[in-house]
C-alpha atoms as a PDB file:
ATOM      1  CA  MET A   1     -18.768 -15.005   1.240  1.00  0.00           C
ATOM      2  CA  HIS A   2     -16.305 -15.432  -1.868  1.00  0.00           C
ATOM      3  CA  PRO A   3     -13.061 -16.418  -0.010  1.00  0.00           C
ATOM      4  CA  ALA A   4     -11.708 -13.571  -1.473  1.00  0.00           C
ATOM      5  CA  SER A   5     -13.825 -11.289   0.526  1.00  0.00           C
ATOM      6  CA  GLU A   6     -13.959 -12.477   3.317  1.00  0.00           C
ATOM      7  CA  TYR A   7      -9.728 -12.930   2.945  1.00  0.00           C
ATOM      8  CA  PHE A   8     -10.087  -8.755   2.409  1.00  0.00           C
ATOM      9  CA  GLN A   9     -12.141  -8.507   5.318  1.00  0.00           C
ATOM     10  CA  LEU A  10     -10.123 -10.505   7.782  1.00  0.00           C
ATOM     11  CA  LYS A  11      -6.693  -8.679   6.399  1.00  0.00           C
ATOM     12  CA  GLN A  12      -8.735  -5.227   7.328  1.00  0.00           C
ATOM     13  CA  GLN A  13      -9.090  -6.321  10.662  1.00  0.00           C
ATOM     14  CA  ILE A  14      -5.780  -7.974  11.118  1.00  0.00           C
ATOM     15  CA  LYS A  15      -5.002  -4.388  10.296  1.00  0.00           C
ATOM     16  CA  GLU A  16      -6.874  -2.702  12.864  1.00  0.00           C
ATOM     17  CA  MET A  17      -6.048  -5.129  15.652  1.00  0.00           C
ATOM     18  CA  THR A  18      -2.446  -4.587  15.235  1.00  0.00           C
ATOM     19  CA  ALA A  19      -2.269  -0.387  15.006  1.00  0.00           C
ATOM     20  CA  ARG A  20      -4.819  -0.806  18.812  1.00  0.00           C
ATOM     21  CA  ALA A  21      -1.784  -3.713  19.989  1.00  0.00           C
ATOM     22  CA  ASP A  22       1.049  -1.181  18.793  1.00  0.00           C
ATOM     23  CA  ALA A  23      -0.816   1.644  20.888  1.00  0.00           C
ATOM     24  CA  MET A  24      -1.042  -0.582  23.833  1.00  0.00           C
ATOM     25  CA  ARG A  25       2.683  -2.095  23.578  1.00  0.00           C
ATOM     26  CA  ALA A  26       3.811   1.881  23.627  1.00  0.00           C
ATOM     27  CA  GLY A  27       1.806   2.444  26.485  1.00  0.00           C
ATOM     28  CA  PHE A  28       2.873  -0.380  28.785  1.00  0.00           C
ATOM     29  CA  LEU A  29       6.048  -0.047  27.583  1.00  0.00           C
ATOM     30  CA  SER A  30       6.402   4.610  28.093  1.00  0.00           C
ATOM     31  CA  GLY A  31       4.204   3.881  31.620  1.00  0.00           C
ATOM     32  CA  ALA A  32       0.992   5.095  30.142  1.00  0.00           C
ATOM     33  CA  LEU A  33      -1.255   2.269  30.638  1.00  0.00           C
ATOM     34  CA  PRO A  34      -1.653   0.453  33.953  1.00  0.00           C
ATOM     35  CA  VAL A  35       0.100  -2.977  33.654  1.00  0.00           C
ATOM     36  CA  ALA A  36      -2.208  -5.829  35.875  1.00  0.00           C
ATOM     37  CA  SER A  37      -6.036  -5.629  35.662  1.00  0.00           C
ATOM     38  CA  ASN A  38      -8.170  -8.678  37.972  1.00  0.00           C
ATOM     39  CA  ALA A  39      -7.521 -11.729  35.060  1.00  0.00           C
ATOM     40  CA  HIS A  40      -3.790 -10.246  33.596  1.00  0.00           C
ATOM     41  CA  VAL A  41      -0.480  -8.852  33.818  1.00  0.00           C
ATOM     42  CA  VAL A  42       1.913  -7.515  31.076  1.00  0.00           C
ATOM     43  CA  ARG A  43       6.005  -7.583  32.202  1.00  0.00           C
ATOM     44  CA  VAL A  44       7.943  -5.372  30.183  1.00  0.00           C
ATOM     45  CA  TRP A  45      11.426  -6.199  30.394  1.00  0.00           C
ATOM     46  CA  GLN A  46      14.916  -5.233  28.518  1.00  0.00           C
ATOM     47  CA  GLN A  47      15.925  -8.841  26.267  1.00  0.00           C
ATOM     48  CA  ARG A  48      19.560  -8.538  25.114  1.00  0.00           C
ATOM     49  CA  ARG A  49      20.526 -10.203  21.953  1.00  0.00           C
ATOM     50  CA  ARG A  50      23.285 -10.457  19.060  1.00  0.00           C
ATOM     51  CA  VAL A  51      23.324  -8.401  16.303  1.00  0.00           C
ATOM     52  CA  PHE A  52      24.677  -9.765  13.141  1.00  0.00           C
ATOM     53  CA  LYS A  53      26.863  -6.227  11.868  1.00  0.00           C
ATOM     54  CA  ARG A  54      26.977  -7.186   7.813  1.00  0.00           C
ATOM     55  CA  ASP A  55      28.128  -3.574   7.080  1.00  0.00           C
ATOM     56  CA  ARG A  56      31.671  -4.388   8.303  1.00  0.00           C
ATOM     57  CA  LEU A  57      32.171  -7.026   5.969  1.00  0.00           C
ATOM     58  CA  PRO A  58      34.870  -6.650   3.384  1.00  0.00           C
ATOM     59  CA  PRO A  59      33.623  -5.777   0.009  1.00  0.00           C
ATOM     60  CA  GLU A  60      34.971  -9.204  -1.366  1.00  0.00           C
ATOM     61  CA  ILE A  61      32.720 -10.987   0.439  1.00  0.00           C
ATOM     62  CA  LEU A  62      29.632  -9.499  -0.226  1.00  0.00           C
ATOM     63  CA  SER A  63      30.204  -9.695  -3.818  1.00  0.00           C
ATOM     64  CA  ASP A  64      31.166 -13.032  -3.536  1.00  0.00           C
ATOM     65  CA  PRO A  65      28.260 -15.387  -4.841  1.00  0.00           C
ATOM     66  CA  ARG A  66      29.300 -18.680  -2.886  1.00  0.00           C
ATOM     67  CA  TYR A  67      27.655 -16.660   0.173  1.00  0.00           C
ATOM     68  CA  TRP A  68      24.461 -16.326  -1.256  1.00  0.00           C
ATOM     69  CA  ASP A  69      21.180 -18.170  -2.017  1.00  0.00           C
ATOM     70  CA  GLU A  70      18.026 -17.043  -3.690  1.00  0.00           C
ATOM     71  CA  ALA A  71      14.426 -18.033  -1.359  1.00  0.00           C
ATOM     72  CA  VAL A  72      11.660 -18.173  -3.266  1.00  0.00           C
ATOM     73  CA  SER A  73       8.251 -17.122  -1.092  1.00  0.00           C
ATOM     74  CA  PRO A  74       4.703 -17.528  -2.204  1.00  0.00           C
ATOM     75  CA  VAL A  75       3.407 -13.941  -2.708  1.00  0.00           C
ATOM     76  CA  VAL A  76      -0.683 -13.633  -2.027  1.00  0.00           C
ATOM     77  CA  SER A  77      -2.102 -10.297  -2.632  1.00  0.00           C
ATOM     78  CA  VAL A  78      -6.055  -9.268  -2.674  1.00  0.00           C
ATOM     79  CA  ARG A  79      -7.198  -5.827  -3.317  1.00  0.00           C
ATOM     80  CA  SER A  80     -10.632  -4.160  -3.529  1.00  0.00           C
ATOM     81  CA  THR A  81     -12.315  -4.218  -7.049  1.00  0.00           C
ATOM     82  CA  THR A  82     -14.090  -0.952  -6.196  1.00  0.00           C
ATOM     83  CA  PRO A  83     -11.712   2.302  -6.620  1.00  0.00           C
ATOM     84  CA  LEU A  84      -8.614   0.930  -4.592  1.00  0.00           C
ATOM     85  CA  LEU A  85      -7.182   3.609  -1.585  1.00  0.00           C
ATOM     86  CA  GLU A  86      -3.438   2.830  -1.028  1.00  0.00           C
ATOM     87  CA  GLU A  87      -4.441   1.563   2.330  1.00  0.00           C
ATOM     88  CA  GLU A  88      -6.601  -1.272   1.392  1.00  0.00           C
ATOM     89  CA  GLU A  89      -3.977  -3.730  -0.164  1.00  0.00           C
ATOM     90  CA  PHE A  90      -2.562  -6.130   1.690  1.00  0.00           C
ATOM     91  CA  GLU A  91       0.334  -8.989   0.547  1.00  0.00           C
ATOM     92  CA  LEU A  92       1.339 -11.774   2.588  1.00  0.00           C
ATOM     93  CA  LEU A  93       4.401 -13.015   2.589  1.00  0.00           C
ATOM     94  CA  GLU A  94       4.863 -16.768   3.678  1.00  0.00           C
ATOM     95  CA  ARG A  95       8.714 -18.714   3.505  1.00  0.00           C
ATOM     96  CA  TRP A  96       8.453 -21.827   2.765  1.00  0.00           C
END
């Protein structure tokens, strides 16, 4: 199989598995799914973290170029050569 085709298939599988994992996560969070099996236990808890409030900074700080850097990331995208359906296009953003 050509690497581009394999990459496309892998991205499709990841999309499907992510949707399934998200649905299961929602079930665990809501209590609709049992959290223990014979081999695994899901732990659900609250985690706290600090959140930066960017909107509270004065405009003179936000518009000052001394406080900004430009980041460049490589992008890999793949699409089908058959008629393109919107959900068939993927992009992988990798931060280096």
